[in-house]
N, C-alpha and C. Protein backbone atom coordinates (compact mmCIF):
# COMPACT_ATOMS: atom_id res chain seq x y z
N VAL A 1 -26.71 138.02 190.32
CA VAL A 1 -26.20 137.62 189.01
C VAL A 1 -25.24 136.44 189.19
N GLN A 2 -25.39 135.44 188.36
CA GLN A 2 -24.48 134.30 188.38
C GLN A 2 -23.84 134.15 187.01
N LEU A 3 -22.55 133.80 187.03
CA LEU A 3 -21.82 133.55 185.79
C LEU A 3 -21.40 132.08 185.79
N GLN A 4 -21.79 131.39 184.76
CA GLN A 4 -21.47 129.96 184.65
C GLN A 4 -20.53 129.75 183.47
N ALA A 5 -19.31 129.34 183.78
CA ALA A 5 -18.31 129.09 182.74
C ALA A 5 -18.19 127.59 182.48
N SER A 6 -17.90 127.25 181.26
CA SER A 6 -17.72 125.85 180.89
C SER A 6 -16.76 125.75 179.71
N GLY A 7 -16.30 124.53 179.44
CA GLY A 7 -15.48 124.30 178.26
C GLY A 7 -14.02 124.04 178.51
N GLY A 8 -13.57 124.12 179.75
CA GLY A 8 -12.17 123.86 180.04
C GLY A 8 -11.85 122.39 179.87
N GLY A 9 -10.56 122.08 179.96
CA GLY A 9 -10.15 120.69 179.85
C GLY A 9 -8.66 120.57 179.56
N LEU A 10 -8.28 119.36 179.17
CA LEU A 10 -6.89 119.06 178.83
C LEU A 10 -6.74 118.99 177.32
N VAL A 11 -5.74 119.67 176.80
CA VAL A 11 -5.50 119.69 175.37
C VAL A 11 -4.00 119.69 175.12
N GLN A 12 -3.61 119.12 174.00
CA GLN A 12 -2.19 119.11 173.64
C GLN A 12 -1.77 120.45 173.08
N PRO A 13 -0.49 120.77 173.18
CA PRO A 13 0.01 122.01 172.56
C PRO A 13 -0.36 122.06 171.09
N GLY A 14 -0.82 123.24 170.65
CA GLY A 14 -1.27 123.40 169.29
C GLY A 14 -2.74 123.14 169.09
N GLY A 15 -3.38 122.61 170.11
CA GLY A 15 -4.80 122.30 170.02
C GLY A 15 -5.69 123.49 170.28
N SER A 16 -6.99 123.22 170.32
CA SER A 16 -7.99 124.27 170.50
C SER A 16 -8.99 123.89 171.59
N LEU A 17 -9.53 124.92 172.22
CA LEU A 17 -10.63 124.77 173.17
C LEU A 17 -11.53 125.98 173.01
N ARG A 18 -12.79 125.78 173.37
CA ARG A 18 -13.74 126.89 173.35
C ARG A 18 -14.38 127.00 174.73
N LEU A 19 -14.21 128.15 175.36
CA LEU A 19 -14.83 128.41 176.65
C LEU A 19 -16.12 129.20 176.44
N SER A 20 -17.10 128.91 177.29
CA SER A 20 -18.37 129.63 177.23
C SER A 20 -18.73 130.15 178.61
N CYS A 21 -19.45 131.24 178.63
CA CYS A 21 -19.90 131.83 179.89
C CYS A 21 -21.29 132.39 179.67
N VAL A 22 -22.18 132.08 180.60
CA VAL A 22 -23.55 132.59 180.52
C VAL A 22 -23.87 133.32 181.81
N ALA A 23 -24.40 134.52 181.68
CA ALA A 23 -24.83 135.31 182.83
C ALA A 23 -26.32 135.11 183.04
N SER A 24 -26.69 134.86 184.27
CA SER A 24 -28.10 134.69 184.59
C SER A 24 -28.45 135.53 185.80
N GLY A 25 -29.70 135.82 185.93
CA GLY A 25 -30.13 136.63 187.06
C GLY A 25 -30.76 137.93 186.60
N SER A 26 -30.46 139.01 187.31
CA SER A 26 -31.15 140.28 187.07
C SER A 26 -30.58 141.08 185.90
N ILE A 27 -29.41 140.67 185.40
CA ILE A 27 -28.79 141.42 184.31
C ILE A 27 -28.94 140.64 183.00
N LEU A 28 -29.61 141.22 182.05
CA LEU A 28 -29.83 140.53 180.79
C LEU A 28 -28.68 140.73 179.81
N ALA A 29 -28.02 141.88 179.88
CA ALA A 29 -26.94 142.19 178.94
C ALA A 29 -25.90 143.06 179.63
N PRO A 30 -24.91 142.44 180.26
CA PRO A 30 -23.87 143.22 180.94
C PRO A 30 -23.20 144.22 180.00
N ASN A 31 -22.81 145.37 180.55
CA ASN A 31 -22.11 146.37 179.73
C ASN A 31 -20.83 145.82 179.15
N PHE A 32 -20.18 144.95 179.93
CA PHE A 32 -18.81 144.59 179.65
C PHE A 32 -18.58 143.16 180.13
N MET A 33 -17.96 142.33 179.31
CA MET A 33 -17.63 140.96 179.72
C MET A 33 -16.19 140.67 179.38
N ALA A 34 -15.58 139.80 180.14
CA ALA A 34 -14.16 139.53 179.95
C ALA A 34 -13.80 138.14 180.44
N TRP A 35 -12.67 137.68 179.97
CA TRP A 35 -12.03 136.47 180.48
C TRP A 35 -10.71 136.86 181.13
N TYR A 36 -10.51 136.33 182.32
CA TYR A 36 -9.24 136.46 183.01
C TYR A 36 -8.70 135.05 183.22
N ARG A 37 -7.42 134.98 183.53
CA ARG A 37 -6.85 133.69 183.88
C ARG A 37 -5.82 133.85 184.99
N GLN A 38 -5.63 132.77 185.73
CA GLN A 38 -4.66 132.78 186.81
C GLN A 38 -3.92 131.45 186.81
N ALA A 39 -2.62 131.54 186.56
CA ALA A 39 -1.76 130.36 186.59
C ALA A 39 -1.23 130.19 188.01
N PRO A 40 -0.81 128.98 188.37
CA PRO A 40 -0.29 128.74 189.72
C PRO A 40 0.87 129.68 190.05
N GLY A 41 0.77 130.33 191.18
CA GLY A 41 1.83 131.22 191.63
C GLY A 41 1.88 132.56 190.95
N LYS A 42 0.90 132.85 190.10
CA LYS A 42 0.88 134.12 189.37
C LYS A 42 -0.40 134.89 189.68
N GLN A 43 -0.35 136.18 189.38
CA GLN A 43 -1.52 137.01 189.57
C GLN A 43 -2.53 136.78 188.45
N ARG A 44 -3.77 137.06 188.77
CA ARG A 44 -4.82 136.97 187.76
C ARG A 44 -4.57 138.04 186.70
N GLU A 45 -4.73 137.67 185.44
CA GLU A 45 -4.47 138.61 184.35
C GLU A 45 -5.61 138.60 183.35
N LEU A 46 -5.79 139.74 182.71
CA LEU A 46 -6.81 139.86 181.68
C LEU A 46 -6.38 139.11 180.43
N VAL A 47 -7.29 138.33 179.88
CA VAL A 47 -7.03 137.62 178.63
C VAL A 47 -7.66 138.38 177.46
N ALA A 48 -8.94 138.69 177.60
CA ALA A 48 -9.66 139.40 176.53
C ALA A 48 -10.94 139.97 177.11
N ASP A 49 -11.41 141.05 176.51
CA ASP A 49 -12.67 141.62 176.94
C ASP A 49 -13.47 142.11 175.75
N ILE A 50 -14.75 142.31 175.98
CA ILE A 50 -15.65 142.75 174.91
C ILE A 50 -16.76 143.58 175.53
N ASN A 51 -17.08 144.71 174.91
CA ASN A 51 -18.15 145.54 175.46
C ASN A 51 -19.46 145.23 174.75
N SER A 52 -20.50 145.93 175.18
CA SER A 52 -21.82 145.64 174.65
C SER A 52 -21.94 145.97 173.17
N GLY A 53 -21.04 146.82 172.67
CA GLY A 53 -21.05 147.16 171.25
C GLY A 53 -20.24 146.22 170.40
N GLY A 54 -19.53 145.28 171.04
CA GLY A 54 -18.75 144.31 170.31
C GLY A 54 -17.28 144.65 170.14
N THR A 55 -16.85 145.77 170.71
CA THR A 55 -15.43 146.13 170.65
C THR A 55 -14.63 145.20 171.55
N THR A 56 -13.53 144.68 171.02
CA THR A 56 -12.74 143.69 171.75
C THR A 56 -11.35 144.21 172.07
N ASN A 57 -10.74 143.55 173.04
CA ASN A 57 -9.39 143.88 173.48
C ASN A 57 -8.73 142.59 173.93
N TYR A 58 -7.44 142.42 173.58
CA TYR A 58 -6.75 141.18 173.90
C TYR A 58 -5.40 141.45 174.56
N ALA A 59 -5.00 140.54 175.43
CA ALA A 59 -3.64 140.58 175.94
C ALA A 59 -2.70 140.26 174.79
N ASP A 60 -1.53 140.87 174.81
CA ASP A 60 -0.56 140.64 173.73
C ASP A 60 -0.24 139.16 173.57
N SER A 61 -0.22 138.44 174.67
CA SER A 61 0.18 137.04 174.63
C SER A 61 -0.80 136.14 173.89
N VAL A 62 -2.04 136.61 173.68
CA VAL A 62 -3.05 135.76 173.02
C VAL A 62 -3.52 136.33 171.69
N LYS A 63 -3.06 137.50 171.33
CA LYS A 63 -3.49 138.12 170.07
C LYS A 63 -3.19 137.21 168.89
N GLY A 64 -4.17 137.06 168.03
CA GLY A 64 -4.01 136.21 166.85
C GLY A 64 -4.31 134.74 167.10
N ARG A 65 -4.47 134.37 168.38
CA ARG A 65 -4.75 132.97 168.70
C ARG A 65 -6.13 132.80 169.35
N PHE A 66 -6.54 133.79 170.14
CA PHE A 66 -7.82 133.72 170.85
C PHE A 66 -8.80 134.70 170.23
N THR A 67 -10.08 134.33 170.27
CA THR A 67 -11.14 135.21 169.79
C THR A 67 -12.28 135.22 170.79
N ILE A 68 -12.63 136.42 171.25
CA ILE A 68 -13.74 136.58 172.19
C ILE A 68 -14.96 137.04 171.41
N SER A 69 -16.12 136.56 171.81
CA SER A 69 -17.36 136.96 171.13
C SER A 69 -18.51 136.89 172.11
N ARG A 70 -19.57 137.61 171.77
CA ARG A 70 -20.79 137.58 172.58
C ARG A 70 -21.93 137.04 171.73
N GLY A 71 -22.81 136.32 172.38
CA GLY A 71 -23.93 135.72 171.68
C GLY A 71 -25.01 136.74 171.36
N ASN A 72 -25.94 136.35 170.54
CA ASN A 72 -27.03 137.23 170.15
C ASN A 72 -27.89 137.63 171.34
N SER A 73 -27.94 136.78 172.35
CA SER A 73 -28.74 137.09 173.53
C SER A 73 -28.07 138.12 174.43
N ARG A 74 -26.80 138.44 174.15
CA ARG A 74 -26.02 139.45 174.85
C ARG A 74 -25.68 139.10 176.29
N ASN A 75 -26.16 137.98 176.79
CA ASN A 75 -25.77 137.58 178.14
C ASN A 75 -24.81 136.39 178.11
N ALA A 76 -24.33 136.03 176.94
CA ALA A 76 -23.41 134.91 176.80
C ALA A 76 -22.15 135.37 176.10
N MET A 77 -21.07 134.68 176.41
CA MET A 77 -19.78 135.06 175.87
C MET A 77 -18.98 133.79 175.62
N SER A 78 -18.15 133.82 174.60
CA SER A 78 -17.29 132.67 174.30
C SER A 78 -15.85 133.13 174.10
N LEU A 79 -14.94 132.20 174.30
CA LEU A 79 -13.53 132.44 174.01
C LEU A 79 -13.01 131.25 173.21
N GLN A 80 -12.77 131.47 171.94
CA GLN A 80 -12.18 130.43 171.09
C GLN A 80 -10.67 130.53 171.21
N MET A 81 -10.07 129.45 171.67
CA MET A 81 -8.63 129.44 171.89
C MET A 81 -7.97 128.45 170.93
N ASN A 82 -7.15 128.96 170.05
CA ASN A 82 -6.44 128.14 169.07
C ASN A 82 -4.94 128.21 169.32
N SER A 83 -4.23 127.27 168.74
CA SER A 83 -2.76 127.24 168.85
C SER A 83 -2.33 127.35 170.31
N LEU A 84 -2.95 126.57 171.15
CA LEU A 84 -2.69 126.67 172.57
C LEU A 84 -1.26 126.27 172.91
N LYS A 85 -0.72 126.95 173.91
CA LYS A 85 0.65 126.72 174.37
C LYS A 85 0.62 126.31 175.84
N SER A 86 1.70 125.73 176.29
CA SER A 86 1.76 125.30 177.69
C SER A 86 1.56 126.48 178.64
N GLU A 87 2.04 127.64 178.22
CA GLU A 87 1.89 128.82 179.08
C GLU A 87 0.47 129.35 179.16
N ASP A 88 -0.43 128.78 178.39
CA ASP A 88 -1.85 129.14 178.51
C ASP A 88 -2.54 128.36 179.63
N THR A 89 -1.83 127.42 180.21
CA THR A 89 -2.39 126.64 181.31
C THR A 89 -2.72 127.54 182.49
N ALA A 90 -3.97 127.50 182.92
CA ALA A 90 -4.43 128.37 184.00
C ALA A 90 -5.89 128.05 184.29
N VAL A 91 -6.38 128.65 185.37
CA VAL A 91 -7.82 128.66 185.61
C VAL A 91 -8.36 129.92 184.94
N TYR A 92 -9.36 129.75 184.12
CA TYR A 92 -9.95 130.86 183.37
C TYR A 92 -11.26 131.28 184.05
N PHE A 93 -11.38 132.58 184.28
CA PHE A 93 -12.53 133.13 184.97
C PHE A 93 -13.33 134.04 184.04
N CYS A 94 -14.62 133.89 184.12
CA CYS A 94 -15.53 134.76 183.41
C CYS A 94 -15.85 135.96 184.29
N ASN A 95 -15.86 137.14 183.69
CA ASN A 95 -16.11 138.37 184.42
C ASN A 95 -17.15 139.20 183.68
N ALA A 96 -18.03 139.83 184.44
CA ALA A 96 -18.99 140.75 183.83
C ALA A 96 -19.05 142.01 184.68
N VAL A 97 -19.14 143.14 184.04
CA VAL A 97 -19.27 144.42 184.73
C VAL A 97 -20.51 145.12 184.21
N HIS A 98 -21.33 145.56 185.14
CA HIS A 98 -22.57 146.23 184.75
C HIS A 98 -22.74 147.45 185.65
N TYR A 99 -22.64 148.62 185.04
CA TYR A 99 -22.74 149.89 185.77
C TYR A 99 -21.83 149.91 187.00
N GLY A 100 -20.60 149.49 186.77
CA GLY A 100 -19.58 149.61 187.79
C GLY A 100 -19.51 148.47 188.79
N VAL A 101 -20.41 147.53 188.71
CA VAL A 101 -20.40 146.40 189.62
C VAL A 101 -19.84 145.18 188.89
N ALA A 102 -18.83 144.55 189.49
CA ALA A 102 -18.17 143.40 188.86
C ALA A 102 -18.70 142.08 189.42
N TYR A 103 -18.85 141.12 188.54
CA TYR A 103 -19.31 139.79 188.91
C TYR A 103 -18.31 138.77 188.36
N TRP A 104 -18.10 137.70 189.13
CA TRP A 104 -17.13 136.68 188.73
C TRP A 104 -17.76 135.29 188.74
N GLY A 105 -17.34 134.49 187.78
CA GLY A 105 -17.69 133.08 187.78
C GLY A 105 -16.66 132.31 188.58
N ARG A 106 -16.89 131.01 188.76
CA ARG A 106 -16.00 130.19 189.58
C ARG A 106 -14.70 129.83 188.88
N GLY A 107 -14.64 129.84 187.61
CA GLY A 107 -13.43 129.47 186.90
C GLY A 107 -13.49 128.06 186.32
N THR A 108 -12.78 127.89 185.24
CA THR A 108 -12.68 126.58 184.59
C THR A 108 -11.22 126.33 184.24
N GLN A 109 -10.76 125.12 184.53
CA GLN A 109 -9.34 124.79 184.34
C GLN A 109 -9.04 124.48 182.88
N VAL A 110 -7.99 125.10 182.38
CA VAL A 110 -7.46 124.79 181.06
C VAL A 110 -6.03 124.31 181.25
N THR A 111 -5.75 123.10 180.78
CA THR A 111 -4.41 122.54 180.90
C THR A 111 -3.91 122.17 179.51
N VAL A 112 -2.78 122.74 179.14
CA VAL A 112 -2.16 122.46 177.85
C VAL A 112 -0.89 121.66 178.10
N SER A 113 -0.94 120.40 177.72
CA SER A 113 0.17 119.51 178.02
C SER A 113 0.15 118.32 177.07
N SER A 114 1.35 117.83 176.76
CA SER A 114 1.44 116.63 175.92
C SER A 114 1.51 115.39 176.79
């Protein structure tokens, strides 16, 4: 299984970005997908997750600003990030879990700076 993330970049504070992740390979619809992020010098942390039924969960720091969703094909996931802050700067990783096995994408850099 491969996870391909895209959509990172440089944005000013208050701006928006949309991250996308597509799973390919032997899994057509992972049970569970999530976005994590890791800022320099910090541990990787959960940003948001979504299960196959569409139930979502968000870190307190992004509630009301970020929205996670899954595509109709069920092997794709997006993260709409609005009202971005400098503290959102990090490498964002796509994660998928299928029957207890976790898969990770390479990560995409998000930089929020004026």
